[in-house]
Amino acid sequence: MSTIHFIFGTVLAAFLALSAASAGAQQGPVKPFKDELFSKMPVIQTGDDGAYEVIDYKELRDINERDREPERRVKDAYIDTGVRAYQENETLAVGSRRMDVTRVGRAKNQAFSVIFIHGRGGDRRLGANDYTFGGNFNRLKNLAIGNGGTYYAPSVRSFDETGVADIAALIRYIFEQSSGRPVILTCASMGGIVCHHISRDKETIRYLAGMALLGGPPDPGLPTTPFVKLRLPIYFAHGSADSVYKSTDQIDIYRKLQKVGYPVRFTLFETGGHGTPIRMVDWRKVLNFVLAAKR
C-alpha cells in the first residue's frame, strides 16, 4: 500500500468514526439538509440490492411546482443563501496553471471536498448558482459547509488535454490543502470527458475518493481503467429520455461493474432529459455513498 493511500485510509476512517457519532441513524456520515424536499423522490423500481433505482420524474411536479420561475428561480423553501458567507470567487495559481474557481468552504483542512465539472458552454457560475436547477447546487453547498467540507466549481477552459491537465492539477492541490482527506470528482454532461481522462491518469486517481457521472457520455473502456482497478466508487445518474447520451449505454457500463461486485450505484430518472440529473440528483446520497463505500 502506498504512503498516500495509507494516509488517505487513516484520515477517512477517522472522519467516518467521528461523523457516525453525530449522524446517529443517518445513512452515512453526511448530515441532512432539507432532505424532506430533496430526498423524498418516488422510487418506482429498485434492483441489485438497492444499487439500481428508477425515480418517477415528472416535469410538472419537479420543475413547475418546485420553481417560482420555471428553470430560472427555485422557490425560497428549497434554499438557504446564508452559505454565501463561505463563498469566494478566486483564481488559483497551481504550478504554472491559473484556474478560475468558486470555492464554498474553508481553503485548508476540510473534512472532504467536492469538485463539479460543468458541460459545454458553462463555467464556474453554473455550479455556483443558488437558484437554478431547482436549488440543487445550493443544497450541495450547504451539505458541504454543514459537514466541514468544501465545494469547488471551476471554470473548465476546454475538454481536451489542456482542460484535463488543469483539473488534474486542481485535484492534487485540493488533496494537499486538505491534508489527504477525501476528494470527490463529479462531472456533468460533456464534462464527463474530463472524468474519462482522469480515470486513466494513474497519478491523479491516487488523490481521489470517488466519482459521480451526471448525464455524461458513456465510456465503454471505464471498467478497464486504473480508476476501476483501485475500486474507487462510482455513482451514475441519468435521464431515461436523454437525447444527447443514451441512458441504455450508461446502464450497460454500470451492469458490467455491478456484475463483478464493484462499488457502483445508478439512479435513472424516468422520462428525464439531458439536464435532469443535475437538477434532481440527491447530493447527500452521492456523498454518503462515496465516503462510506467499501473498496
Protein backbone atom coordinates (compact mmCIF):
# COMPACT_ATOMS: atom_id res chain seq x y z
CA MET A 1 0.00 0.00 0.00
CA SER A 2 1.39 3.43 -0.94
CA THR A 3 2.01 6.12 1.66
CA ILE A 4 -0.68 8.30 0.05
CA HIS A 5 -3.32 5.59 0.32
CA PHE A 6 -2.30 4.71 3.89
CA ILE A 7 -2.71 8.36 4.92
CA PHE A 8 -5.95 8.65 2.97
CA GLY A 9 -7.38 5.50 4.57
CA THR A 10 -6.40 6.58 8.07
CA VAL A 11 -7.91 10.04 7.68
CA LEU A 12 -11.09 8.69 6.08
CA ALA A 13 -11.56 6.11 8.85
CA ALA A 14 -11.23 8.82 11.47
CA PHE A 15 -13.66 11.06 9.60
CA LEU A 16 -16.27 8.30 9.33
CA ALA A 17 -15.90 7.40 13.01
CA LEU A 18 -16.36 10.98 14.16
CA SER A 19 -19.25 11.57 11.79
CA ALA A 20 -21.07 8.42 12.89
CA ALA A 21 -21.44 9.80 16.39
CA SER A 22 -23.13 12.98 15.16
CA ALA A 23 -25.08 11.40 12.32
CA GLY A 24 -26.79 8.82 14.51
CA ALA A 25 -29.17 6.76 12.44
CA GLN A 26 -28.40 8.69 9.24
CA GLN A 27 -27.41 6.65 6.19
CA GLY A 28 -23.80 7.79 6.13
CA PRO A 29 -21.51 10.46 7.56
CA VAL A 30 -23.06 13.48 5.83
CA LYS A 31 -25.83 15.06 7.89
CA PRO A 32 -29.12 16.09 6.22
CA PHE A 33 -30.02 19.40 4.66
CA LYS A 34 -33.64 19.84 3.51
CA ASP A 35 -33.97 16.09 2.93
CA GLU A 36 -37.74 16.41 3.14
CA LEU A 37 -37.60 18.39 -0.13
CA PHE A 38 -34.73 16.71 -1.97
CA SER A 39 -34.60 13.11 -0.79
CA LYS A 40 -38.25 12.05 -0.86
CA MET A 41 -38.42 11.30 -4.57
CA PRO A 42 -40.82 8.48 -5.52
CA VAL A 43 -38.95 5.29 -6.41
CA ILE A 44 -40.76 3.14 -8.94
CA GLN A 45 -38.16 0.37 -9.33
CA THR A 46 -35.13 -0.94 -7.49
CA GLY A 47 -32.64 -3.68 -8.17
CA ASP A 48 -29.23 -5.05 -7.25
CA ASP A 49 -29.98 -4.74 -3.52
CA GLY A 50 -30.76 -1.06 -3.91
CA ALA A 51 -27.74 -0.16 -6.05
CA TYR A 52 -30.00 0.48 -9.05
CA GLU A 53 -33.09 2.64 -8.77
CA VAL A 54 -35.59 4.28 -11.09
CA ILE A 55 -37.08 7.58 -9.92
CA ASP A 56 -40.50 8.80 -11.02
CA TYR A 57 -39.59 12.16 -12.58
CA LYS A 58 -42.39 14.48 -13.69
CA GLU A 59 -41.68 17.86 -15.23
CA LEU A 60 -44.94 19.36 -13.95
CA ARG A 61 -44.10 18.48 -10.35
CA ASP A 62 -40.32 18.63 -10.36
CA ILE A 63 -39.93 21.85 -12.33
CA ASN A 64 -43.17 23.80 -12.45
CA GLU A 65 -44.21 23.16 -8.85
CA ARG A 66 -40.68 23.48 -7.48
CA ASP A 67 -39.69 26.71 -9.24
CA ARG A 68 -41.08 30.19 -8.82
CA GLU A 69 -39.95 30.84 -12.41
CA PRO A 70 -39.53 27.51 -14.21
CA GLU A 71 -35.83 26.70 -14.76
CA ARG A 72 -34.82 30.20 -13.65
CA ARG A 73 -35.56 30.61 -9.96
CA VAL A 74 -36.46 27.97 -7.41
CA LYS A 75 -38.90 28.67 -4.57
CA ASP A 76 -37.31 30.07 -1.42
CA ALA A 77 -38.13 26.97 0.66
CA TYR A 78 -35.51 24.97 -1.25
CA ILE A 79 -32.51 27.17 -0.49
CA ASP A 80 -30.55 28.81 2.28
CA THR A 81 -28.36 31.61 0.95
CA GLY A 82 -26.56 32.05 4.27
CA VAL A 83 -23.98 29.73 2.74
CA ARG A 84 -22.74 32.65 0.65
CA ALA A 85 -20.82 33.86 3.69
CA TYR A 86 -18.43 30.97 2.98
CA GLN A 87 -18.22 31.51 -0.79
CA GLU A 88 -15.29 33.01 -2.68
CA ASN A 89 -14.50 33.54 -6.35
CA GLU A 90 -10.78 33.17 -6.79
CA THR A 91 -8.08 32.48 -9.33
CA LEU A 92 -5.84 29.70 -8.12
CA ALA A 93 -2.21 29.51 -9.15
CA VAL A 94 -1.34 25.82 -9.21
CA GLY A 95 2.18 25.46 -10.51
CA SER A 96 2.23 27.20 -13.88
CA ARG A 97 -1.55 26.93 -14.23
CA ARG A 98 -4.15 29.52 -13.30
CA MET A 99 -7.75 28.46 -12.75
CA ASP A 100 -10.89 30.43 -12.00
CA VAL A 101 -12.90 28.66 -9.34
CA THR A 102 -15.76 29.29 -6.96
CA ARG A 103 -14.89 27.84 -3.57
CA VAL A 104 -17.50 27.33 -0.87
CA GLY A 105 -15.92 26.39 2.44
CA ARG A 106 -12.53 26.54 4.06
CA ALA A 107 -9.39 26.59 1.91
CA LYS A 108 -7.46 24.15 4.09
CA ASN A 109 -8.05 21.10 6.30
CA GLN A 110 -11.61 20.48 5.12
CA ALA A 111 -13.19 17.14 6.03
CA PHE A 112 -13.84 16.35 2.36
CA SER A 113 -14.01 18.19 -0.97
CA VAL A 114 -16.36 18.01 -3.94
CA ILE A 115 -15.45 19.25 -7.42
CA PHE A 116 -18.19 19.86 -10.00
CA ILE A 117 -17.22 19.86 -13.69
CA HIS A 118 -19.72 21.64 -15.94
CA GLY A 119 -20.54 20.77 -19.54
CA ARG A 120 -20.12 22.62 -22.82
CA GLY A 121 -20.89 26.33 -22.69
CA GLY A 122 -20.70 26.51 -18.90
CA ASP A 123 -18.27 27.98 -16.42
CA ARG A 124 -17.94 28.22 -12.65
CA ARG A 125 -21.13 30.29 -12.44
CA LEU A 126 -23.28 27.31 -13.42
CA GLY A 127 -22.22 25.25 -10.41
CA ALA A 128 -22.42 28.23 -8.05
CA ASN A 129 -25.94 29.40 -8.90
CA ASP A 130 -28.24 29.06 -5.90
CA TYR A 131 -31.50 29.42 -7.82
CA THR A 132 -31.26 27.34 -10.99
CA PHE A 133 -31.53 23.54 -11.27
CA GLY A 134 -34.14 23.53 -8.54
CA GLY A 135 -31.74 24.81 -5.89
CA ASN A 136 -29.68 21.63 -6.10
CA PHE A 137 -26.32 23.42 -6.11
CA ASN A 138 -27.36 25.46 -3.09
CA ARG A 139 -28.09 22.18 -1.32
CA LEU A 140 -24.67 20.82 -2.26
CA LYS A 141 -23.03 23.95 -0.86
CA ASN A 142 -24.96 23.62 2.40
CA LEU A 143 -24.19 19.91 2.69
CA ALA A 144 -20.50 20.70 2.30
CA ILE A 145 -20.46 23.57 4.81
CA GLY A 146 -22.70 21.76 7.30
CA ASN A 147 -20.33 18.81 7.40
CA GLY A 148 -16.97 20.56 7.41
CA GLY A 149 -16.40 20.09 3.69
CA THR A 150 -15.57 22.37 0.77
CA TYR A 151 -17.20 22.64 -2.64
CA TYR A 152 -15.27 23.72 -5.75
CA ALA A 153 -16.82 24.80 -9.06
CA PRO A 154 -14.00 25.50 -11.53
CA SER A 155 -14.27 27.02 -15.00
CA VAL A 156 -13.03 24.37 -17.41
CA ARG A 157 -11.15 26.02 -20.27
CA SER A 158 -11.53 23.10 -22.65
CA PHE A 159 -12.38 19.42 -22.71
CA ASP A 160 -9.07 18.42 -24.28
CA GLU A 161 -5.67 17.68 -22.76
CA THR A 162 -5.26 21.25 -21.51
CA GLY A 163 -8.52 21.28 -19.58
CA VAL A 164 -7.92 17.81 -18.20
CA ALA A 165 -4.44 18.79 -17.02
CA ASP A 166 -5.95 21.80 -15.24
CA ILE A 167 -8.39 19.60 -13.33
CA ALA A 168 -5.70 17.02 -12.55
CA ALA A 169 -3.61 19.80 -11.00
CA LEU A 170 -6.64 21.08 -9.08
CA ILE A 171 -7.38 17.62 -7.66
CA ARG A 172 -3.85 17.24 -6.34
CA TYR A 173 -3.87 20.81 -4.97
CA ILE A 174 -7.12 20.20 -3.05
CA PHE A 175 -5.86 16.85 -1.73
CA GLU A 176 -2.74 18.54 -0.39
CA GLN A 177 -4.65 21.53 1.05
CA SER A 178 -6.97 19.18 2.91
CA SER A 179 -4.11 17.09 4.30
CA GLY A 180 -5.11 13.99 2.37
CA ARG A 181 -8.83 13.97 3.12
CA PRO A 182 -11.35 12.67 0.53
CA VAL A 183 -11.73 14.45 -2.81
CA ILE A 184 -14.78 13.58 -4.92
CA LEU A 185 -14.89 14.43 -8.63
CA THR A 186 -18.30 14.94 -10.24
CA CYS A 187 -18.78 15.53 -13.97
CA ALA A 188 -21.95 16.58 -15.82
CA SER A 189 -22.81 16.28 -19.50
CA MET A 190 -19.75 16.87 -21.73
CA GLY A 191 -17.76 17.42 -18.54
CA GLY A 192 -17.82 13.63 -18.34
CA ILE A 193 -14.99 13.65 -20.85
CA VAL A 194 -12.81 15.11 -18.11
CA CYS A 195 -13.77 12.26 -15.80
CA HIS A 196 -12.96 9.77 -18.56
CA HIS A 197 -9.44 11.12 -18.93
CA ILE A 198 -8.86 11.41 -15.18
CA SER A 199 -9.89 7.77 -14.71
CA ARG A 200 -6.91 6.80 -16.89
CA ASP A 201 -4.41 9.05 -15.10
CA LYS A 202 -2.53 6.71 -12.75
CA GLU A 203 -1.05 9.61 -10.80
CA THR A 204 -4.16 11.75 -10.31
CA ILE A 205 -6.52 8.95 -9.26
CA ARG A 206 -4.34 8.43 -6.19
CA TYR A 207 -5.78 11.69 -4.85
CA LEU A 208 -9.45 10.79 -5.44
CA ALA A 209 -12.00 9.09 -3.20
CA GLY A 210 -14.62 8.52 -5.91
CA MET A 211 -16.53 9.90 -8.85
CA ALA A 212 -20.07 10.80 -9.94
CA LEU A 213 -21.19 10.93 -13.59
CA LEU A 214 -24.32 13.00 -14.24
CA GLY A 215 -25.88 12.64 -17.69
CA GLY A 216 -22.46 12.21 -19.24
CA PRO A 217 -21.20 10.38 -22.32
CA PRO A 218 -20.68 6.63 -21.97
CA ASP A 219 -17.13 5.36 -21.64
CA PRO A 220 -17.05 1.69 -22.68
CA GLY A 221 -13.43 1.46 -21.54
CA LEU A 222 -14.18 2.58 -17.98
CA PRO A 223 -14.20 -0.96 -16.50
CA THR A 224 -10.55 -1.44 -17.54
CA THR A 225 -9.19 1.89 -16.28
CA PRO A 226 -6.69 2.39 -13.43
CA PHE A 227 -9.50 4.15 -11.54
CA VAL A 228 -11.58 0.98 -11.53
CA LYS A 229 -8.57 -1.16 -10.65
CA LEU A 230 -8.33 0.86 -7.43
CA ARG A 231 -12.03 0.09 -6.78
CA LEU A 232 -12.90 3.73 -6.23
CA PRO A 233 -16.72 4.15 -6.00
CA ILE A 234 -18.71 5.46 -8.96
CA TYR A 235 -22.21 6.97 -8.89
CA PHE A 236 -24.17 7.25 -12.15
CA ALA A 237 -27.27 9.42 -12.65
CA HIS A 238 -29.05 9.69 -15.99
CA GLY A 239 -32.36 10.62 -17.57
CA SER A 240 -34.15 7.83 -19.41
CA ALA A 241 -35.17 10.25 -22.20
CA ASP A 242 -31.74 11.86 -22.60
CA SER A 243 -31.46 12.67 -26.31
CA VAL A 244 -27.75 13.58 -26.14
CA TYR A 245 -26.31 10.47 -24.47
CA LYS A 246 -28.44 7.31 -24.33
CA SER A 247 -29.19 6.07 -20.84
CA THR A 248 -29.01 2.45 -22.02
CA ASP A 249 -25.34 2.87 -22.97
CA GLN A 250 -24.51 4.12 -19.48
CA ILE A 251 -26.59 1.38 -17.87
CA ASP A 252 -24.59 -1.23 -19.81
CA ILE A 253 -21.38 0.09 -18.22
CA TYR A 254 -22.98 0.05 -14.78
CA ARG A 255 -24.07 -3.58 -15.31
CA LYS A 256 -20.53 -4.68 -16.17
CA LEU A 257 -19.22 -3.10 -12.99
CA GLN A 258 -22.05 -4.28 -10.76
CA LYS A 259 -21.75 -7.85 -12.04
CA VAL A 260 -18.26 -8.16 -10.56
CA GLY A 261 -19.20 -6.63 -7.21
CA TYR A 262 -17.80 -3.18 -7.88
CA PRO A 263 -18.84 -0.28 -5.57
CA VAL A 264 -21.25 1.39 -8.00
CA ARG A 265 -24.72 2.95 -7.95
CA PHE A 266 -27.11 4.01 -10.71
CA THR A 267 -30.10 6.35 -10.46
CA LEU A 268 -32.31 6.60 -13.53
CA PHE A 269 -34.85 9.42 -13.76
CA GLU A 270 -37.79 8.04 -15.72
CA THR A 271 -38.76 10.45 -18.58
CA GLY A 272 -35.93 12.79 -17.54
CA GLY A 273 -33.93 14.64 -20.19
CA HIS A 274 -30.29 15.58 -20.52
CA GLY A 275 -30.18 18.12 -17.69
CA THR A 276 -32.39 16.20 -15.27
CA PRO A 277 -29.61 14.58 -13.19
CA ILE A 278 -28.09 18.00 -12.39
CA ARG A 279 -31.45 19.18 -11.07
CA MET A 280 -32.59 16.01 -9.38
CA VAL A 281 -29.61 14.00 -8.13
CA ASP A 282 -29.67 13.56 -4.36
CA TRP A 283 -26.30 15.03 -3.43
CA ARG A 284 -26.42 13.70 0.10
CA LYS A 285 -26.89 10.17 -1.22
CA VAL A 286 -23.97 10.64 -3.62
CA LEU A 287 -21.63 11.95 -0.91
CA ASN A 288 -22.58 9.31 1.62
CA PHE A 289 -22.16 6.52 -0.91
CA VAL A 290 -18.69 7.63 -1.93
CA LEU A 291 -17.48 8.38 1.58
CA ALA A 292 -18.77 5.15 3.07
CA ALA A 293 -18.23 2.75 0.16
CA LYS A 294 -16.17 -0.37 0.82
CA ARG A 295 -13.29 -0.65 -1.62
